[in-house]
């Protein structure tokens, strides 16, 4: 079994909000419905999506670049640095994206660093209504840089 460590998420979560073009309106409607809850957390988003949420809903969003211009990678780096606790990513499964490789890497990092992820509205509804959202939580993360119990490295 690999070595692991815990990373504490505070009561106020750092939530990334991302949506592909064909899903931006759906994310905006979801965020509007959940505006009261979201206002209790720190919001991060890719350029256009974050701008829409700020302009239409008046919520403060720390904005990264647009996804195709490196925003997905910036959020991925923030996940690996422990700065993003939670991700809502309404991606478009029917539209090929020029940055599909970045999207796959972002989803891989979210699994690797064990953060909750919603890729559709139903999952986002379940996650945002969880009592864990407003309480501290220690998530376990495998440490692939330390030797595992057998003494080998991954």
Foldseek 3Di string as FASTA:
>chain_A
DFDKDWDKAALAFEEEEAEDPVCLVVSLVLCQVVVVLNLSHAYEYEDPSQVCCCVVPVRHYHYDHHPVVCRLVVVLVCLVVVNHAAYEYQYDPVDDDPVVVSVVSSVVSCVQSVHYYHRDSVSVVVVSPDPPNRHMDIDMHGDQQDQGPVRDGD
